[in-house]
Every structure is written in C-alpha cells, then in structure tokens.
C-alpha cells in the first residue's frame, strides 16, 4: 500500500521491529520496492502496548544495546542517498 510520486522528495520510511536481521531484511525489501527513499527511521518511541510487548517501539529506549545493534546492522549494509 505504498504510493508515491516525484514530488514526494525527500522521502522517508519508518521501520518497527526488535530483531536487527529482520529489520535489515525489511529495509532492503522496502528500498527495492521504493528506491527513492532517502531516510529510514527506526521507531523507538511507540508506547502502544502490543508494540512494546514485542520488544519494539518504546521498548528499545529501555534496551539501548538492542537499538545500537540494530542501527549498526542497518548502517553497515544499507546505503541511502538524498535524492
């Protein structure tokens, strides 16, 4: 359900999850489907109970090591360019 056009620049997307490898896979799929994405945001503030229960969203603020691991994994493999 992604729809964009050439006026949507710069384009950003948000990922939510708790596993660094799964987040990387999701980011790569997203970038393949929408190659114009310039920024990726890791949701680390959503307080919704069902998200936090899955160790995602705001849970990551209580687990900085997990968040750091995720950021390192994503930044080591992904290349984003401002378009």
PDB file of N, CA and C in Angstrom:
ATOM      1  N   UNK A   1       0.820  -1.195   0.000  1.00  0.00           N
ATOM      2  CA  UNK A   1       0.000   0.000   0.000  1.00  0.00           C
ATOM      3  C   UNK A   1       0.866   1.261   0.000  1.00  0.00           C
ATOM      4  N   UNK A   2       1.938   1.188  -0.722  1.00  0.00           N
ATOM      5  CA  UNK A   2       2.800   2.349  -0.854  1.00  0.00           C
ATOM      6  C   UNK A   2       2.523   3.050  -2.164  1.00  0.00           C
ATOM      7  N   UNK A   3       2.337   4.342  -2.079  1.00  0.00           N
ATOM      8  CA  UNK A   3       2.124   5.123  -3.281  1.00  0.00           C
ATOM      9  C   UNK A   3       2.899   6.421  -3.116  1.00  0.00           C
ATOM     10  N   UNK A   4       3.647   6.768  -4.123  1.00  0.00           N
ATOM     11  CA  UNK A   4       4.428   7.995  -4.069  1.00  0.00           C
ATOM     12  C   UNK A   4       4.524   8.586  -5.466  1.00  0.00           C
ATOM     13  N   UNK A   5       5.013   9.805  -5.554  1.00  0.00           N
ATOM     14  CA  UNK A   5       5.242  10.425  -6.860  1.00  0.00           C
ATOM     15  C   UNK A   5       6.510  11.258  -6.783  1.00  0.00           C
ATOM     16  N   UNK A   6       6.911  11.825  -7.885  1.00  0.00           N
ATOM     17  CA  UNK A   6       8.190  12.543  -7.959  1.00  0.00           C
ATOM     18  C   UNK A   6       8.255  13.781  -7.068  1.00  0.00           C
ATOM     19  N   UNK A   7       7.110  14.293  -6.646  1.00  0.00           N
ATOM     20  CA  UNK A   7       7.098  15.467  -5.764  1.00  0.00           C
ATOM     21  C   UNK A   7       7.358  15.090  -4.299  1.00  0.00           C
ATOM     22  N   UNK A   8       7.261  13.814  -3.985  1.00  0.00           N
ATOM     23  CA  UNK A   8       7.481  13.343  -2.614  1.00  0.00           C
ATOM     24  C   UNK A   8       8.980  13.161  -2.353  1.00  0.00           C
ATOM     25  N   UNK A   9       9.705  14.252  -2.300  1.00  0.00           N
ATOM     26  CA  UNK A   9      11.137  14.183  -2.052  1.00  0.00           C
ATOM     27  C   UNK A   9      11.543  15.273  -1.087  1.00  0.00           C
ATOM     28  N   UNK A  10      12.424  15.046  -0.155  1.00  0.00           N
ATOM     29  CA  UNK A  10      12.958  13.732   0.168  1.00  0.00           C
ATOM     30  C   UNK A  10      11.873  12.831   0.764  1.00  0.00           C
ATOM     31  N   UNK A  11      12.057  11.549   0.594  1.00  0.00           N
ATOM     32  CA  UNK A  11      11.088  10.552   1.021  1.00  0.00           C
ATOM     33  C   UNK A  11      11.675   9.744   2.173  1.00  0.00           C
ATOM     34  N   UNK A  12      10.900   9.564   3.226  1.00  0.00           N
ATOM     35  CA  UNK A  12      11.343   8.806   4.400  1.00  0.00           C
ATOM     36  C   UNK A  12      10.385   7.647   4.657  1.00  0.00           C
ATOM     37  N   UNK A  13      10.878   6.642   5.354  1.00  0.00           N
ATOM     38  CA  UNK A  13      10.050   5.496   5.745  1.00  0.00           C
ATOM     39  C   UNK A  13      10.411   5.106   7.167  1.00  0.00           C
ATOM     40  N   UNK A  14       9.449   4.541   7.863  1.00  0.00           N
ATOM     41  CA  UNK A  14       9.672   4.120   9.240  1.00  0.00           C
ATOM     42  C   UNK A  14       9.567   2.604   9.346  1.00  0.00           C
ATOM     43  N   UNK A  15      10.494   2.028  10.102  1.00  0.00           N
ATOM     44  CA  UNK A  15      10.502   0.597  10.376  1.00  0.00           C
ATOM     45  C   UNK A  15      10.222   0.380  11.853  1.00  0.00           C
ATOM     46  N   UNK A  16       9.507  -0.689  12.148  1.00  0.00           N
ATOM     47  CA  UNK A  16       9.276  -1.048  13.548  1.00  0.00           C
ATOM     48  C   UNK A  16       9.609  -2.523  13.694  1.00  0.00           C
ATOM     49  N   UNK A  17      10.334  -2.847  14.735  1.00  0.00           N
ATOM     50  CA  UNK A  17      10.712  -4.232  14.978  1.00  0.00           C
ATOM     51  C   UNK A  17      11.686  -4.325  16.130  1.00  0.00           C
ATOM     52  N   UNK A  18      12.138  -5.551  16.392  1.00  0.00           N
ATOM     53  CA  UNK A  18      13.051  -5.761  17.515  1.00  0.00           C
ATOM     54  C   UNK A  18      14.275  -6.591  17.147  1.00  0.00           C
ATOM     55  N   UNK A  19      14.277  -7.165  15.963  1.00  0.00           N
ATOM     56  CA  UNK A  19      15.383  -8.021  15.537  1.00  0.00           C
ATOM     57  C   UNK A  19      16.170  -7.322  14.436  1.00  0.00           C
ATOM     58  N   UNK A  20      17.472  -7.150  14.647  1.00  0.00           N
ATOM     59  CA  UNK A  20      18.310  -6.411  13.699  1.00  0.00           C
ATOM     60  C   UNK A  20      18.313  -7.042  12.308  1.00  0.00           C
ATOM     61  N   UNK A  21      18.375  -8.351  12.227  1.00  0.00           N
ATOM     62  CA  UNK A  21      18.408  -9.028  10.927  1.00  0.00           C
ATOM     63  C   UNK A  21      17.074  -8.856  10.197  1.00  0.00           C
ATOM     64  N   UNK A  22      15.975  -9.002  10.914  1.00  0.00           N
ATOM     65  CA  UNK A  22      14.654  -8.814  10.306  1.00  0.00           C
ATOM     66  C   UNK A  22      14.461  -7.368   9.846  1.00  0.00           C
ATOM     67  N   UNK A  23      14.952  -6.439  10.641  1.00  0.00           N
ATOM     68  CA  UNK A  23      14.834  -5.022  10.264  1.00  0.00           C
ATOM     69  C   UNK A  23      15.648  -4.744   9.001  1.00  0.00           C
ATOM     70  N   UNK A  24      16.830  -5.333   8.904  1.00  0.00           N
ATOM     71  CA  UNK A  24      17.649  -5.164   7.709  1.00  0.00           C
ATOM     72  C   UNK A  24      16.950  -5.759   6.495  1.00  0.00           C
ATOM     73  N   UNK A  25      16.398  -6.952   6.642  1.00  0.00           N
ATOM     74  CA  UNK A  25      15.655  -7.574   5.533  1.00  0.00           C
ATOM     75  C   UNK A  25      14.488  -6.694   5.099  1.00  0.00           C
ATOM     76  N   UNK A  26      13.748  -6.179   6.070  1.00  0.00           N
ATOM     77  CA  UNK A  26      12.602  -5.317   5.761  1.00  0.00           C
ATOM     78  C   UNK A  26      13.055  -4.045   5.059  1.00  0.00           C
ATOM     79  N   UNK A  27      14.143  -3.465   5.529  1.00  0.00           N
ATOM     80  CA  UNK A  27      14.659  -2.240   4.911  1.00  0.00           C
ATOM     81  C   UNK A  27      15.088  -2.497   3.471  1.00  0.00           C
ATOM     82  N   UNK A  28      15.741  -3.618   3.234  1.00  0.00           N
ATOM     83  CA  UNK A  28      16.193  -3.928   1.877  1.00  0.00           C
ATOM     84  C   UNK A  28      15.012  -4.141   0.935  1.00  0.00           C
ATOM     85  N   UNK A  29      13.979  -4.825   1.415  1.00  0.00           N
ATOM     86  CA  UNK A  29      12.771  -5.012   0.602  1.00  0.00           C
ATOM     87  C   UNK A  29      12.130  -3.662   0.304  1.00  0.00           C
ATOM     88  N   UNK A  30      12.006  -2.840   1.331  1.00  0.00           N
ATOM     89  CA  UNK A  30      11.400  -1.517   1.175  1.00  0.00           C
ATOM     90  C   UNK A  30      12.178  -0.681   0.165  1.00  0.00           C
ATOM     91  N   UNK A  31      13.493  -0.701   0.243  1.00  0.00           N
ATOM     92  CA  UNK A  31      14.308   0.082  -0.684  1.00  0.00           C
ATOM     93  C   UNK A  31      14.244  -0.459  -2.107  1.00  0.00           C
ATOM     94  N   UNK A  32      14.022  -1.759  -2.242  1.00  0.00           N
ATOM     95  CA  UNK A  32      13.843  -2.337  -3.583  1.00  0.00           C
ATOM     96  C   UNK A  32      12.510  -1.911  -4.192  1.00  0.00           C
ATOM     97  N   UNK A  33      11.477  -1.859  -3.367  1.00  0.00           N
ATOM     98  CA  UNK A  33      10.138  -1.500  -3.838  1.00  0.00           C
ATOM     99  C   UNK A  33      10.020  -0.004  -4.092  1.00  0.00           C
ATOM    100  N   UNK A  34      10.635   0.797  -3.231  1.00  0.00           N
ATOM    101  CA  UNK A  34      10.567   2.257  -3.336  1.00  0.00           C
ATOM    102  C   UNK A  34      12.008   2.789  -3.331  1.00  0.00           C
ATOM    103  N   UNK A  35      12.687   2.746  -4.456  1.00  0.00           N
ATOM    104  CA  UNK A  35      14.106   3.122  -4.495  1.00  0.00           C
ATOM    105  C   UNK A  35      14.393   4.591  -4.179  1.00  0.00           C
ATOM    106  N   UNK A  36      13.408   5.451  -4.170  1.00  0.00           N
ATOM    107  CA  UNK A  36      13.626   6.868  -3.906  1.00  0.00           C
ATOM    108  C   UNK A  36      13.701   7.248  -2.438  1.00  0.00           C
ATOM    109  N   UNK A  37      13.676   6.269  -1.531  1.00  0.00           N
ATOM    110  CA  UNK A  37      13.714   6.582  -0.098  1.00  0.00           C
ATOM    111  C   UNK A  37      15.094   7.117   0.271  1.00  0.00           C
ATOM    112  N   UNK A  38      15.116   8.249   0.958  1.00  0.00           N
ATOM    113  CA  UNK A  38      16.360   8.886   1.378  1.00  0.00           C
ATOM    114  C   UNK A  38      16.658   8.673   2.853  1.00  0.00           C
ATOM    115  N   UNK A  39      15.618   8.465   3.650  1.00  0.00           N
ATOM    116  CA  UNK A  39      15.785   8.341   5.098  1.00  0.00           C
ATOM    117  C   UNK A  39      15.005   7.144   5.617  1.00  0.00           C
ATOM    118  N   UNK A  40      15.594   6.437   6.563  1.00  0.00           N
ATOM    119  CA  UNK A  40      14.874   5.384   7.280  1.00  0.00           C
ATOM    120  C   UNK A  40      14.857   5.760   8.748  1.00  0.00           C
ATOM    121  N   UNK A  41      13.705   5.611   9.354  1.00  0.00           N
ATOM    122  CA  UNK A  41      13.517   5.911  10.764  1.00  0.00           C
ATOM    123  C   UNK A  41      13.217   4.606  11.488  1.00  0.00           C
ATOM    124  N   UNK A  42      13.931   4.352  12.579  1.00  0.00           N
ATOM    125  CA  UNK A  42      13.622   3.194  13.416  1.00  0.00           C
ATOM    126  C   UNK A  42      12.686   3.677  14.509  1.00  0.00           C
ATOM    127  N   UNK A  43      11.479   3.137  14.513  1.00  0.00           N
ATOM    128  CA  UNK A  43      10.513   3.529  15.528  1.00  0.00           C
ATOM    129  C   UNK A  43      11.021   3.043  16.884  1.00  0.00           C
ATOM    130  N   UNK A  44      11.359   3.996  17.738  1.00  0.00           N
ATOM    131  CA  UNK A  44      11.833   3.649  19.078  1.00  0.00           C
ATOM    132  C   UNK A  44      11.098   4.457  20.140  1.00  0.00           C
ATOM    133  N   UNK A  45       9.883   4.847  19.827  1.00  0.00           N
ATOM    134  CA  UNK A  45       9.134   5.650  20.783  1.00  0.00           C
ATOM    135  C   UNK A  45       7.670   5.258  20.907  1.00  0.00           C
ATOM    136  N   UNK A  46       7.177   4.357  20.076  1.00  0.00           N
ATOM    137  CA  UNK A  46       5.760   3.992  20.121  1.00  0.00           C
ATOM    138  C   UNK A  46       5.435   3.306  21.448  1.00  0.00           C
ATOM    139  N   UNK A  47       4.532   3.883  22.244  1.00  0.00           N
ATOM    140  CA  UNK A  47       4.211   3.311  23.550  1.00  0.00           C
ATOM    141  C   UNK A  47       3.063   2.295  23.532  1.00  0.00           C
ATOM    142  N   UNK A  48       2.525   1.984  22.359  1.00  0.00           N
ATOM    143  CA  UNK A  48       1.384   1.071  22.277  1.00  0.00           C
ATOM    144  C   UNK A  48       1.779  -0.288  22.857  1.00  0.00           C
ATOM    145  N   UNK A  49       0.941  -0.787  23.730  1.00  0.00           N
ATOM    146  CA  UNK A  49       1.248  -1.999  24.485  1.00  0.00           C
ATOM    147  C   UNK A  49       1.626  -3.192  23.606  1.00  0.00           C
ATOM    148  N   UNK A  50       0.881  -3.419  22.522  1.00  0.00           N
ATOM    149  CA  UNK A  50       1.161  -4.580  21.673  1.00  0.00           C
ATOM    150  C   UNK A  50       2.511  -4.446  20.955  1.00  0.00           C
ATOM    151  N   UNK A  51       2.974  -3.228  20.728  1.00  0.00           N
ATOM    152  CA  UNK A  51       4.283  -2.998  20.109  1.00  0.00           C
ATOM    153  C   UNK A  51       5.387  -3.227  21.142  1.00  0.00           C
ATOM    154  N   UNK A  52       5.218  -2.660  22.320  1.00  0.00           N
ATOM    155  CA  UNK A  52       6.208  -2.790  23.393  1.00  0.00           C
ATOM    156  C   UNK A  52       6.341  -4.256  23.830  1.00  0.00           C
ATOM    157  N   UNK A  53       5.224  -4.987  23.840  1.00  0.00           N
ATOM    158  CA  UNK A  53       5.254  -6.413  24.193  1.00  0.00           C
ATOM    159  C   UNK A  53       6.163  -7.206  23.264  1.00  0.00           C
ATOM    160  N   UNK A  54       6.271  -6.761  22.028  1.00  0.00           N
ATOM    161  CA  UNK A  54       7.114  -7.441  21.035  1.00  0.00           C
ATOM    162  C   UNK A  54       8.553  -6.927  21.071  1.00  0.00           C
ATOM    163  N   UNK A  55       8.869  -6.168  22.115  1.00  0.00           N
ATOM    164  CA  UNK A  55      10.210  -5.598  22.316  1.00  0.00           C
ATOM    165  C   UNK A  55      10.600  -4.643  21.185  1.00  0.00           C
ATOM    166  N   UNK A  56       9.626  -3.883  20.730  1.00  0.00           N
ATOM    167  CA  UNK A  56       9.837  -2.886  19.677  1.00  0.00           C
ATOM    168  C   UNK A  56       9.330  -1.533  20.181  1.00  0.00           C
ATOM    169  N   UNK A  57       9.406  -0.521  19.338  1.00  0.00           N
ATOM    170  CA  UNK A  57       8.911   0.805  19.722  1.00  0.00           C
ATOM    171  C   UNK A  57       9.622   1.333  20.957  1.00  0.00           C
ATOM    172  N   UNK A  58       8.864   1.815  21.917  1.00  0.00           N
ATOM    173  CA  UNK A  58       9.416   2.422  23.130  1.00  0.00           C
ATOM    174  C   UNK A  58      10.258   1.441  23.946  1.00  0.00           C
ATOM    175  N   UNK A  59      10.040   0.156  23.769  1.00  0.00           N
ATOM    176  CA  UNK A  59      10.859  -0.839  24.476  1.00  0.00           C
ATOM    177  C   UNK A  59      12.341  -0.627  24.174  1.00  0.00           C
ATOM    178  N   UNK A  60      12.653  -0.225  22.959  1.00  0.00           N
ATOM    179  CA  UNK A  60      14.043  -0.040  22.564  1.00  0.00           C
ATOM    180  C   UNK A  60      14.748   1.045  23.377  1.00  0.00           C
ATOM    181  N   UNK A  61      13.993   2.000  23.908  1.00  0.00           N
ATOM    182  CA  UNK A  61      14.597   3.029  24.753  1.00  0.00           C
ATOM    183  C   UNK A  61      15.047   2.446  26.086  1.00  0.00           C
ATOM    184  N   UNK A  62      14.427   1.352  26.495  1.00  0.00           N
ATOM    185  CA  UNK A  62      14.814   0.666  27.734  1.00  0.00           C
ATOM    186  C   UNK A  62      15.909  -0.362  27.463  1.00  0.00           C
ATOM    187  N   UNK A  63      16.188  -0.610  26.211  1.00  0.00           N
ATOM    188  CA  UNK A  63      17.189  -1.597  25.805  1.00  0.00           C
ATOM    189  C   UNK A  63      18.124  -0.980  24.767  1.00  0.00           C
ATOM    190  N   UNK A  64      18.944  -0.009  25.203  1.00  0.00           N
ATOM    191  CA  UNK A  64      19.781   0.695  24.237  1.00  0.00           C
ATOM    192  C   UNK A  64      20.747  -0.220  23.486  1.00  0.00           C
ATOM    193  N   UNK A  65      21.183  -1.306  24.107  1.00  0.00           N
ATOM    194  CA  UNK A  65      22.101  -2.223  23.408  1.00  0.00           C
ATOM    195  C   UNK A  65      21.437  -2.822  22.172  1.00  0.00           C
ATOM    196  N   UNK A  66      20.155  -3.160  22.288  1.00  0.00           N
ATOM    197  CA  UNK A  66      19.409  -3.706  21.153  1.00  0.00           C
ATOM    198  C   UNK A  66      19.283  -2.656  20.062  1.00  0.00           C
ATOM    199  N   UNK A  67      18.972  -1.445  20.448  1.00  0.00           N
ATOM    200  CA  UNK A  67      18.827  -0.352  19.474  1.00  0.00           C
ATOM    201  C   UNK A  67      20.160  -0.062  18.783  1.00  0.00           C
ATOM    202  N   UNK A  68      21.230  -0.027  19.541  1.00  0.00           N
ATOM    203  CA  UNK A  68      22.557   0.223  18.970  1.00  0.00           C
ATOM    204  C   UNK A  68      22.935  -0.887  17.989  1.00  0.00           C
ATOM    205  N   UNK A  69      22.672  -2.129  18.362  1.00  0.00           N
ATOM    206  CA  UNK A  69      22.969  -3.264  17.484  1.00  0.00           C
ATOM    207  C   UNK A  69      22.195  -3.127  16.168  1.00  0.00           C
ATOM    208  N   UNK A  70      20.937  -2.716  16.284  1.00  0.00           N
ATOM    209  CA  UNK A  70      20.082  -2.550  15.114  1.00  0.00           C
ATOM    210  C   UNK A  70      20.623  -1.448  14.197  1.00  0.00           C
ATOM    211  N   UNK A  71      20.974  -0.326  14.773  1.00  0.00           N
ATOM    212  CA  UNK A  71      21.496   0.798  13.986  1.00  0.00           C
ATOM    213  C   UNK A  71      22.803   0.401  13.300  1.00  0.00           C
ATOM    214  N   UNK A  72      23.679  -0.269  14.022  1.00  0.00           N
ATOM    215  CA  UNK A  72      24.951  -0.702  13.431  1.00  0.00           C
ATOM    216  C   UNK A  72      24.721  -1.676  12.281  1.00  0.00           C
ATOM    217  N   UNK A  73      23.800  -2.599  12.448  1.00  0.00           N
ATOM    218  CA  UNK A  73      23.497  -3.584  11.408  1.00  0.00           C
ATOM    219  C   UNK A  73      22.968  -2.881  10.162  1.00  0.00           C
ATOM    220  N   UNK A  74      22.010  -1.976  10.341  1.00  0.00           N
ATOM    221  CA  UNK A  74      21.420  -1.267   9.205  1.00  0.00           C
ATOM    222  C   UNK A  74      22.438  -0.371   8.508  1.00  0.00           C
ATOM    223  N   UNK A  75      23.200   0.372   9.274  1.00  0.00           N
ATOM    224  CA  UNK A  75      24.142   1.309   8.663  1.00  0.00           C
ATOM    225  C   UNK A  75      25.328   0.604   8.009  1.00  0.00           C
ATOM    226  N   UNK A  76      25.622  -0.613   8.440  1.00  0.00           N
ATOM    227  CA  UNK A  76      26.742  -1.333   7.831  1.00  0.00           C
ATOM    228  C   UNK A  76      26.374  -1.931   6.475  1.00  0.00           C
ATOM    229  N   UNK A  77      25.088  -2.113   6.218  1.00  0.00           N
ATOM    230  CA  UNK A  77      24.657  -2.792   4.997  1.00  0.00           C
ATOM    231  C   UNK A  77      23.889  -1.916   4.013  1.00  0.00           C
ATOM    232  N   UNK A  78      23.272  -0.852   4.498  1.00  0.00           N
ATOM    233  CA  UNK A  78      22.418  -0.028   3.631  1.00  0.00           C
ATOM    234  C   UNK A  78      23.126   1.252   3.220  1.00  0.00           C
ATOM    235  N   UNK A  79      22.848   1.669   2.011  1.00  0.00           N
ATOM    236  CA  UNK A  79      23.355   2.941   1.504  1.00  0.00           C
ATOM    237  C   UNK A  79      22.172   3.757   1.025  1.00  0.00           C
ATOM    238  N   UNK A  80      21.956   4.885   1.695  1.00  0.00           N
ATOM    239  CA  UNK A  80      20.869   5.788   1.305  1.00  0.00           C
ATOM    240  C   UNK A  80      21.485   7.058   0.755  1.00  0.00           C
ATOM    241  N   UNK A  81      20.855   7.601  -0.270  1.00  0.00           N
ATOM    242  CA  UNK A  81      21.314   8.848  -0.864  1.00  0.00           C
ATOM    243  C   UNK A  81      20.160   9.824  -0.924  1.00  0.00           C
ATOM    244  N   UNK A  82      20.435  11.047  -0.566  1.00  0.00           N
ATOM    245  CA  UNK A  82      19.430  12.104  -0.673  1.00  0.00           C
ATOM    246  C   UNK A  82      19.175  12.338  -2.162  1.00  0.00           C
ATOM    247  N   UNK A  83      17.898  12.230  -2.542  1.00  0.00           N
ATOM    248  CA  UNK A  83      17.546  12.393  -3.959  1.00  0.00           C
ATOM    249  C   UNK A  83      16.613  13.556  -4.141  1.00  0.00           C
TER     250      UNK A  83
END
